[in-house]
Amino acid sequence: MLKRLNLQLEILFKRFMKIGFIIIALAILFSLNGYVMVRGWQALPPVSVSRPIYLITAILLFLVMMVGMIFGNAMQPVVAKTVSFIGFSYIIVFIYLFLSFLVVDIVRIANYFIEFAPSGLTSFRLWAMVVTLGITGIAMVIGNIKFNHPEIVTLNLSIDKPTQHKVLKIVAASDFHLGISIDKKCLHSYVKMINEQHPDIVLLAGDISDRSIIPLINQNMAEEFRAIKASFGVYAINGNHEHYTETPNATANYLKSAGIKVLRDETCLVDSSFYLVGRDDRSNLNRKNLKELVNGLDVNKPRILMDHQPYYLEEAQQNGIDLQISGHTHNGQFFPVNFLVKHMYELSYGYRRIGKTHYYVSSGLGLWGPQYRIGTSSELVVINLKY
């Protein structure tokens, strides 16, 4: 009885936290957009049609963004993808306009106290806005091209354990964020890239779905997953976005139906020569600790860990993990968020070796929201692991 009550309280707490997060996020979003709209209005000439055009355009784009985020799954796929692309693109524009207006306001405040521009910088805001929009437009074109043309990152690593004279070719991918925006056509190109590497094993390190399993089912994406070819199979874990879908089991069950082995706090011996450890995402407050997962494993065999969010890296080292593969960060996705993310994680992107443990945090194949890589790259990771 007490256990059931605790479970119900935990479910209620999670729902409360999710609702609270949504309310706070919406409040911030409305505030930022309000600031951009007001400052843009003030920057434009007072007696000009540009003011109402700017305001109406900004309001419409904001509404398109909200409609796509809330009602996307109820729309026809083509309509939903178009609405989402336009709405998410607006996020990039308003973020860069926000930063531009913020810098201008800081300069104008400084000018109020230390008058270095006697004219009061009346035209400064307008020119800053025009230049920002121009640079943003160019950056978005390049960023969309980078998103649609993922790079292949290759690593050659060796395990510091008794040698079996083998080389394992791992193809690792994370953060597909499949759904409305990143659809079956995108997945087809990802699968083609994966198969072109001729992998021994394929590891999908979380956030395979975005926020609902419905688009994956409607588009029959299982067909593409079944086309992945790897000698030792395809393995996947949950990411935090798997916990945003209908249930935390939804994506896992769908992937299993497509022939993918989903590890949720599980360990398996592959080819009788190495262990694969798959942790459930840390969104699951009751997930097993790593020590419990590796308990009893042969210390002479390599241990490869998939853990979506790259927190507490020392755990892998302390528990004899030879290679950890993570994702989640997207390497910030676009400038300047990549610099913020760099200070949020011990390893926000790329390769590092700590002691005998190799770590790789991928920027991901897909991404959430705006389909632009500004200052970052989408990637597929190929690891030739000698052991």
Protein backbone atom coordinates (compact mmCIF):
# COMPACT_ATOMS: atom_id res chain seq x y z
CA MET A 1 0.00 0.00 0.00
CA LEU A 2 2.78 2.41 0.98
CA LYS A 3 4.78 1.52 -2.15
CA ARG A 4 1.75 2.23 -4.36
CA LEU A 5 1.19 5.56 -2.62
CA ASN A 6 4.84 6.55 -3.14
CA LEU A 7 4.56 5.65 -6.83
CA GLN A 8 1.42 7.79 -7.24
CA LEU A 9 3.12 10.71 -5.47
CA GLU A 10 6.15 10.36 -7.74
CA ILE A 11 3.92 10.42 -10.86
CA LEU A 12 2.09 13.51 -9.56
CA PHE A 13 5.42 15.20 -8.80
CA LYS A 14 6.70 14.52 -12.33
CA ARG A 15 3.49 15.91 -13.83
CA PHE A 16 3.71 19.00 -11.63
CA MET A 17 7.34 19.55 -12.63
CA LYS A 18 6.50 19.15 -16.33
CA ILE A 19 3.59 21.63 -16.11
CA GLY A 20 5.75 24.05 -14.12
CA PHE A 21 8.53 23.82 -16.68
CA ILE A 22 6.07 24.49 -19.53
CA ILE A 23 4.63 27.54 -17.76
CA ILE A 24 8.08 29.00 -17.05
CA ALA A 25 9.28 28.28 -20.60
CA LEU A 26 6.20 29.96 -22.11
CA ALA A 27 6.60 32.97 -19.83
CA ILE A 28 10.23 33.40 -20.91
CA LEU A 29 9.30 32.90 -24.58
CA PHE A 30 6.54 35.51 -24.47
CA SER A 31 8.81 37.97 -22.62
CA LEU A 32 11.68 37.62 -25.10
CA ASN A 33 9.35 37.96 -28.06
CA GLY A 34 7.70 41.00 -26.52
CA TYR A 35 11.09 42.65 -26.06
CA VAL A 36 12.09 41.92 -29.68
CA MET A 37 8.78 43.24 -31.03
CA VAL A 38 8.93 46.46 -29.00
CA ARG A 39 12.58 47.18 -29.76
CA GLY A 40 12.09 46.41 -33.46
CA TRP A 41 9.11 48.78 -33.59
CA GLN A 42 11.18 51.52 -31.91
CA ALA A 43 14.11 50.97 -34.27
CA LEU A 44 12.07 51.55 -37.42
CA PRO A 45 11.16 55.05 -38.74
CA PRO A 46 8.10 56.49 -36.88
CA VAL A 47 6.18 57.51 -40.01
CA SER A 48 6.58 54.38 -42.10
CA VAL A 49 4.67 51.26 -43.16
CA SER A 50 7.71 49.25 -42.02
CA ARG A 51 6.53 49.42 -38.40
CA PRO A 52 3.14 47.71 -38.83
CA ILE A 53 4.62 45.28 -41.37
CA TYR A 54 7.35 44.30 -38.88
CA LEU A 55 4.91 43.91 -35.99
CA ILE A 56 2.33 41.91 -37.97
CA THR A 57 5.06 39.67 -39.44
CA ALA A 58 6.59 39.02 -36.01
CA ILE A 59 3.20 38.22 -34.46
CA LEU A 60 2.25 35.88 -37.32
CA LEU A 61 5.58 34.04 -37.17
CA PHE A 62 5.28 33.68 -33.42
CA LEU A 63 1.78 32.24 -33.82
CA VAL A 64 3.00 29.85 -36.53
CA MET A 65 5.74 28.67 -34.17
CA MET A 66 3.25 28.04 -31.34
CA VAL A 67 0.74 26.29 -33.64
CA GLY A 68 3.46 24.00 -34.99
CA MET A 69 4.68 23.09 -31.52
CA ILE A 70 1.22 22.47 -30.05
CA PHE A 71 -0.85 21.12 -32.96
CA GLY A 72 1.80 19.70 -35.29
CA ASN A 73 0.85 16.06 -34.73
CA ALA A 74 -2.77 16.77 -35.70
CA MET A 75 -1.85 18.24 -39.10
CA GLN A 76 -1.18 16.60 -42.44
CA PRO A 77 2.54 15.69 -42.63
CA VAL A 78 3.42 18.17 -45.40
CA VAL A 79 1.55 21.02 -43.70
CA ALA A 80 3.01 20.15 -40.29
CA LYS A 81 6.57 20.06 -41.65
CA THR A 82 6.15 23.42 -43.42
CA VAL A 83 4.59 25.09 -40.39
CA SER A 84 7.27 23.66 -38.08
CA PHE A 85 10.11 24.74 -40.37
CA ILE A 86 8.81 28.32 -40.59
CA GLY A 87 8.04 28.53 -36.88
CA PHE A 88 11.35 27.05 -35.73
CA SER A 89 13.25 29.26 -38.18
CA TYR A 90 11.68 32.25 -36.47
CA ILE A 91 13.30 31.09 -33.21
CA ILE A 92 16.74 31.66 -34.74
CA VAL A 93 15.77 35.10 -36.05
CA PHE A 94 14.26 36.35 -32.81
CA ILE A 95 17.17 35.03 -30.71
CA TYR A 96 19.71 36.92 -32.82
CA LEU A 97 17.50 40.03 -32.84
CA PHE A 98 17.18 39.75 -29.06
CA LEU A 99 20.96 39.61 -28.66
CA SER A 100 21.40 42.51 -31.07
CA PHE A 101 18.85 44.72 -29.30
CA LEU A 102 20.34 43.79 -25.93
CA VAL A 103 23.82 44.88 -27.03
CA VAL A 104 22.39 48.12 -28.45
CA ASP A 105 20.58 48.84 -25.17
CA ILE A 106 23.76 48.24 -23.19
CA VAL A 107 25.65 50.65 -25.47
CA ARG A 108 22.87 53.26 -25.19
CA ILE A 109 22.83 52.96 -21.38
CA ALA A 110 26.61 53.40 -21.34
CA ASN A 111 26.21 56.45 -23.59
CA TYR A 112 23.72 57.93 -21.11
CA PHE A 113 26.33 57.91 -18.34
CA ILE A 114 29.42 58.53 -20.48
CA GLU A 115 28.33 60.55 -23.48
CA PHE A 116 30.57 59.34 -26.27
CA ALA A 117 27.91 59.81 -28.99
CA PRO A 118 26.25 63.24 -28.64
CA SER A 119 23.51 62.37 -31.16
CA GLY A 120 22.19 59.80 -28.69
CA LEU A 121 22.73 56.91 -31.10
CA THR A 122 19.32 57.50 -32.73
CA SER A 123 20.14 55.50 -35.86
CA PHE A 124 22.35 52.92 -34.14
CA ARG A 125 19.45 50.57 -33.28
CA LEU A 126 18.08 50.63 -36.84
CA TRP A 127 21.44 49.87 -38.47
CA ALA A 128 22.18 47.16 -35.90
CA MET A 129 18.82 45.56 -36.71
CA VAL A 130 19.39 45.68 -40.48
CA VAL A 131 22.92 44.25 -40.19
CA THR A 132 21.74 41.54 -37.75
CA LEU A 133 18.95 40.43 -40.11
CA GLY A 134 21.38 40.32 -43.04
CA ILE A 135 24.03 38.29 -41.22
CA THR A 136 21.37 36.02 -39.71
CA GLY A 137 19.92 35.28 -43.16
CA ILE A 138 23.34 34.27 -44.52
CA ALA A 139 24.12 32.21 -41.41
CA MET A 140 20.80 30.37 -41.68
CA VAL A 141 21.40 29.41 -45.31
CA ILE A 142 24.84 28.02 -44.47
CA GLY A 143 23.53 26.45 -41.25
CA ASN A 144 20.75 24.60 -43.04
CA ILE A 145 23.23 23.23 -45.57
CA LYS A 146 25.45 22.01 -42.70
CA PHE A 147 22.49 20.36 -41.00
CA ASN A 148 21.54 18.52 -44.19
CA HIS A 149 25.10 17.34 -44.85
CA PRO A 150 26.36 15.55 -41.71
CA GLU A 151 30.07 14.98 -41.27
CA ILE A 152 31.67 11.61 -40.55
CA VAL A 153 33.99 11.64 -37.55
CA THR A 154 36.46 8.74 -37.38
CA LEU A 155 38.33 7.60 -34.26
CA ASN A 156 40.92 4.84 -33.93
CA LEU A 157 41.06 3.65 -30.32
CA SER A 158 42.71 0.82 -28.41
CA ILE A 159 41.49 -0.89 -25.24
CA ASP A 160 43.99 -1.37 -22.44
CA LYS A 161 43.04 -4.99 -21.66
CA PRO A 162 44.28 -8.47 -22.62
CA THR A 163 44.27 -8.43 -26.39
CA GLN A 164 41.91 -10.58 -28.44
CA HIS A 165 43.52 -9.35 -31.69
CA LYS A 166 40.23 -7.94 -32.95
CA VAL A 167 39.04 -4.62 -34.37
CA LEU A 168 35.43 -3.67 -33.86
CA LYS A 169 33.94 -1.12 -36.25
CA ILE A 170 31.33 0.85 -34.32
CA VAL A 171 29.01 3.31 -36.00
CA ALA A 172 27.44 5.53 -33.35
CA ALA A 173 24.66 8.05 -33.82
CA SER A 174 22.54 10.05 -31.43
CA ASP A 175 19.83 12.68 -31.31
CA PHE A 176 17.88 11.84 -34.45
CA HIS A 177 14.82 13.66 -33.02
CA LEU A 178 12.57 11.93 -35.51
CA GLY A 179 9.09 13.33 -35.89
CA ILE A 180 7.45 16.05 -37.93
CA SER A 181 10.52 18.07 -38.96
CA ILE A 182 13.06 15.27 -39.23
CA ASP A 183 10.96 12.77 -41.14
CA LYS A 184 11.27 9.43 -42.90
CA LYS A 185 13.12 11.02 -45.82
CA CYS A 186 15.81 12.30 -43.41
CA LEU A 187 15.96 8.92 -41.68
CA HIS A 188 16.46 7.23 -45.07
CA SER A 189 19.54 9.41 -45.69
CA TYR A 190 20.85 8.64 -42.17
CA VAL A 191 20.44 4.89 -42.70
CA LYS A 192 22.20 5.16 -46.05
CA MET A 193 25.14 6.92 -44.36
CA ILE A 194 25.29 4.27 -41.65
CA ASN A 195 25.27 1.36 -44.10
CA GLU A 196 27.95 2.97 -46.27
CA GLN A 197 30.37 2.60 -43.31
CA HIS A 198 29.87 -1.21 -43.25
CA PRO A 199 29.64 -1.37 -39.45
CA ASP A 200 30.13 -4.38 -37.23
CA ILE A 201 27.70 -2.86 -34.73
CA VAL A 202 25.47 0.21 -34.70
CA LEU A 203 24.82 2.12 -31.47
CA LEU A 204 22.00 4.65 -31.20
CA ALA A 205 22.69 6.77 -28.13
CA GLY A 206 19.26 8.22 -27.34
CA ASP A 207 16.74 10.86 -28.44
CA ILE A 208 15.69 8.77 -31.42
CA SER A 209 12.19 10.27 -31.27
CA ASP A 210 11.48 13.92 -30.63
CA ARG A 211 8.29 14.38 -28.61
CA SER A 212 5.80 11.84 -29.95
CA ILE A 213 5.89 8.37 -31.44
CA ILE A 214 2.86 9.10 -33.67
CA PRO A 215 4.82 10.56 -36.65
CA LEU A 216 7.15 7.55 -36.61
CA ILE A 217 4.19 5.18 -36.78
CA ASN A 218 2.30 7.21 -39.40
CA GLN A 219 5.36 7.40 -41.66
CA ASN A 220 6.32 3.75 -41.08
CA MET A 221 9.86 4.66 -40.07
CA ALA A 222 10.35 1.10 -38.83
CA GLU A 223 10.91 0.21 -42.47
CA GLU A 224 14.06 2.34 -42.51
CA PHE A 225 15.35 1.00 -39.19
CA ARG A 226 15.01 -2.57 -40.49
CA ALA A 227 17.26 -1.61 -43.43
CA ILE A 228 20.29 -0.96 -41.15
CA LYS A 229 22.90 -3.64 -41.73
CA ALA A 230 25.43 -4.57 -39.04
CA SER A 231 27.09 -7.91 -38.28
CA PHE A 232 26.37 -7.78 -34.54
CA GLY A 233 23.10 -5.88 -34.78
CA VAL A 234 21.72 -2.49 -33.84
CA TYR A 235 21.40 -1.37 -30.22
CA ALA A 236 19.71 1.69 -28.75
CA ILE A 237 19.05 3.43 -25.44
CA ASN A 238 16.52 5.97 -24.24
CA GLY A 239 17.34 9.66 -24.16
CA ASN A 240 15.48 12.40 -22.32
CA HIS A 241 13.15 12.96 -25.30
CA GLU A 242 11.96 9.37 -25.07
CA HIS A 243 10.48 10.48 -21.76
CA TYR A 244 8.56 13.27 -23.53
CA THR A 245 6.66 10.83 -25.75
CA GLU A 246 3.34 9.20 -24.85
CA THR A 247 5.10 6.89 -22.36
CA PRO A 248 8.80 6.17 -21.68
CA ASN A 249 8.18 2.74 -23.24
CA ALA A 250 6.68 4.01 -26.50
CA THR A 251 9.86 4.58 -28.52
CA ALA A 252 11.58 1.51 -27.05
CA ASN A 253 8.68 -0.74 -28.03
CA TYR A 254 8.57 0.76 -31.51
CA LEU A 255 12.29 0.25 -32.05
CA LYS A 256 12.05 -3.32 -30.79
CA SER A 257 9.31 -3.97 -33.36
CA ALA A 258 11.80 -2.77 -35.99
CA GLY A 259 14.41 -5.32 -34.91
CA ILE A 260 16.53 -3.00 -32.76
CA LYS A 261 17.72 -4.21 -29.37
CA VAL A 262 16.90 -1.53 -26.79
CA LEU A 263 18.95 -1.64 -23.59
CA ARG A 264 17.28 -0.04 -20.60
CA ASP A 265 19.58 -0.54 -17.63
CA GLU A 266 20.77 -3.76 -19.23
CA THR A 267 24.06 -5.41 -20.08
CA CYS A 268 24.68 -7.93 -22.83
CA LEU A 269 27.67 -9.93 -24.06
CA VAL A 270 28.18 -9.49 -27.78
CA ASP A 271 30.13 -11.95 -29.94
CA SER A 272 31.35 -13.57 -26.71
CA SER A 273 34.09 -10.94 -26.70
CA PHE A 274 32.81 -7.58 -25.35
CA TYR A 275 30.08 -6.19 -23.16
CA LEU A 276 27.57 -3.55 -24.16
CA VAL A 277 26.03 -1.61 -21.27
CA GLY A 278 22.95 0.52 -21.94
CA ARG A 279 21.72 2.91 -19.27
CA ASP A 280 18.23 4.31 -19.19
CA ASP A 281 18.22 8.11 -19.32
CA ARG A 282 18.73 10.02 -16.10
CA SER A 283 15.17 11.35 -16.58
CA ASN A 284 14.26 8.02 -14.99
CA LEU A 285 14.88 8.84 -11.33
CA ASN A 286 14.85 5.12 -10.50
CA ARG A 287 17.42 3.97 -13.03
CA LYS A 288 20.05 1.54 -11.80
CA ASN A 289 23.49 2.80 -10.89
CA LEU A 290 26.38 1.83 -13.11
CA LYS A 291 28.10 -0.22 -10.42
CA GLU A 292 25.05 -2.45 -10.20
CA LEU A 293 24.95 -2.90 -13.98
CA VAL A 294 28.56 -4.02 -14.35
CA ASN A 295 28.67 -6.18 -11.25
CA GLY A 296 29.87 -9.67 -12.11
CA LEU A 297 31.17 -8.91 -15.59
CA ASP A 298 34.45 -10.45 -16.77
CA VAL A 299 37.08 -7.77 -16.08
CA ASN A 300 39.19 -8.96 -19.02
CA LYS A 301 36.53 -8.21 -21.62
CA PRO A 302 35.97 -4.67 -23.01
CA ARG A 303 33.01 -2.71 -21.66
CA ILE A 304 31.23 -0.24 -23.93
CA LEU A 305 28.72 2.06 -22.27
CA MET A 306 25.89 4.04 -23.84
CA ASP A 307 24.62 6.82 -21.58
CA HIS A 308 22.70 9.60 -23.30
CA GLN A 309 23.53 12.55 -21.05
CA PRO A 310 27.25 13.05 -20.32
CA TYR A 311 27.08 13.72 -16.59
CA TYR A 312 29.40 12.33 -13.90
CA LEU A 313 32.02 10.97 -16.26
CA GLU A 314 34.04 9.64 -13.35
CA GLU A 315 31.45 6.88 -12.85
CA ALA A 316 32.54 5.18 -16.07
CA GLN A 317 36.18 5.33 -15.08
CA GLN A 318 35.46 4.00 -11.58
CA ASN A 319 33.51 1.06 -12.96
CA GLY A 320 35.98 -0.17 -15.55
CA ILE A 321 34.23 1.18 -18.64
CA ASP A 322 36.56 1.23 -21.63
CA LEU A 323 34.45 3.38 -23.96
CA GLN A 324 31.50 5.64 -23.18
CA ILE A 325 29.32 7.04 -25.96
CA SER A 326 26.94 9.91 -25.22
CA GLY A 327 25.00 12.63 -27.01
CA HIS A 328 22.34 15.05 -25.76
CA THR A 329 24.29 18.33 -25.92
CA HIS A 330 24.07 18.86 -29.74
CA ASN A 331 27.29 20.82 -29.10
CA GLY A 332 24.99 23.76 -28.47
CA GLN A 333 23.38 23.43 -31.92
CA PHE A 334 24.00 27.06 -32.91
CA PHE A 335 26.20 30.00 -31.92
CA PRO A 336 26.47 31.28 -29.19
CA VAL A 337 24.73 28.42 -27.35
CA ASN A 338 27.71 26.16 -28.13
CA PHE A 339 29.86 28.32 -25.85
CA LEU A 340 27.27 28.14 -23.05
CA VAL A 341 26.99 24.35 -23.36
CA LYS A 342 30.77 24.06 -23.20
CA HIS A 343 30.64 25.37 -19.62
CA MET A 344 27.66 23.22 -18.60
CA TYR A 345 29.37 19.85 -19.04
CA GLU A 346 32.76 18.41 -18.19
CA LEU A 347 32.82 17.22 -21.82
CA SER A 348 30.18 18.89 -23.98
CA TYR A 349 31.45 17.58 -27.30
CA GLY A 350 34.15 15.42 -28.83
CA TYR A 351 36.73 12.94 -27.58
CA ARG A 352 38.58 12.71 -24.31
CA ARG A 353 40.49 10.02 -22.46
CA ILE A 354 40.43 9.95 -18.67
CA GLY A 355 42.64 7.25 -17.20
CA LYS A 356 41.93 4.10 -19.20
CA THR A 357 38.45 5.21 -20.26
CA HIS A 358 37.68 6.68 -23.68
CA TYR A 359 34.77 9.12 -23.95
CA TYR A 360 32.98 10.49 -26.98
CA VAL A 361 30.11 12.96 -26.82
CA SER A 362 28.46 13.36 -30.21
CA SER A 363 26.81 16.51 -31.51
CA GLY A 364 24.16 14.24 -33.03
CA LEU A 365 22.78 13.58 -36.48
CA GLY A 366 19.58 15.53 -35.97
CA LEU A 367 18.58 18.28 -33.57
CA TRP A 368 15.61 19.78 -31.81
CA GLY A 369 13.67 22.59 -33.42
CA PRO A 370 15.44 24.90 -35.91
CA GLN A 371 17.20 22.91 -38.63
CA TYR A 372 20.35 25.00 -38.63
CA ARG A 373 23.93 24.24 -37.58
CA ILE A 374 25.54 27.62 -36.98
CA GLY A 375 29.03 27.12 -35.59
CA THR A 376 28.43 23.37 -35.09
CA SER A 377 28.00 20.29 -37.30
CA SER A 378 25.72 17.28 -37.53
CA GLU A 379 27.74 14.08 -37.44
CA LEU A 380 27.95 10.32 -37.63
CA VAL A 381 30.70 8.73 -35.53
CA VAL A 382 32.83 5.79 -36.71
CA ILE A 383 35.03 4.18 -34.06
CA ASN A 384 37.57 1.50 -34.96
CA LEU A 385 38.09 -0.15 -31.57
CA LYS A 386 41.13 -2.38 -31.28
CA TYR A 387 41.03 -4.92 -28.44
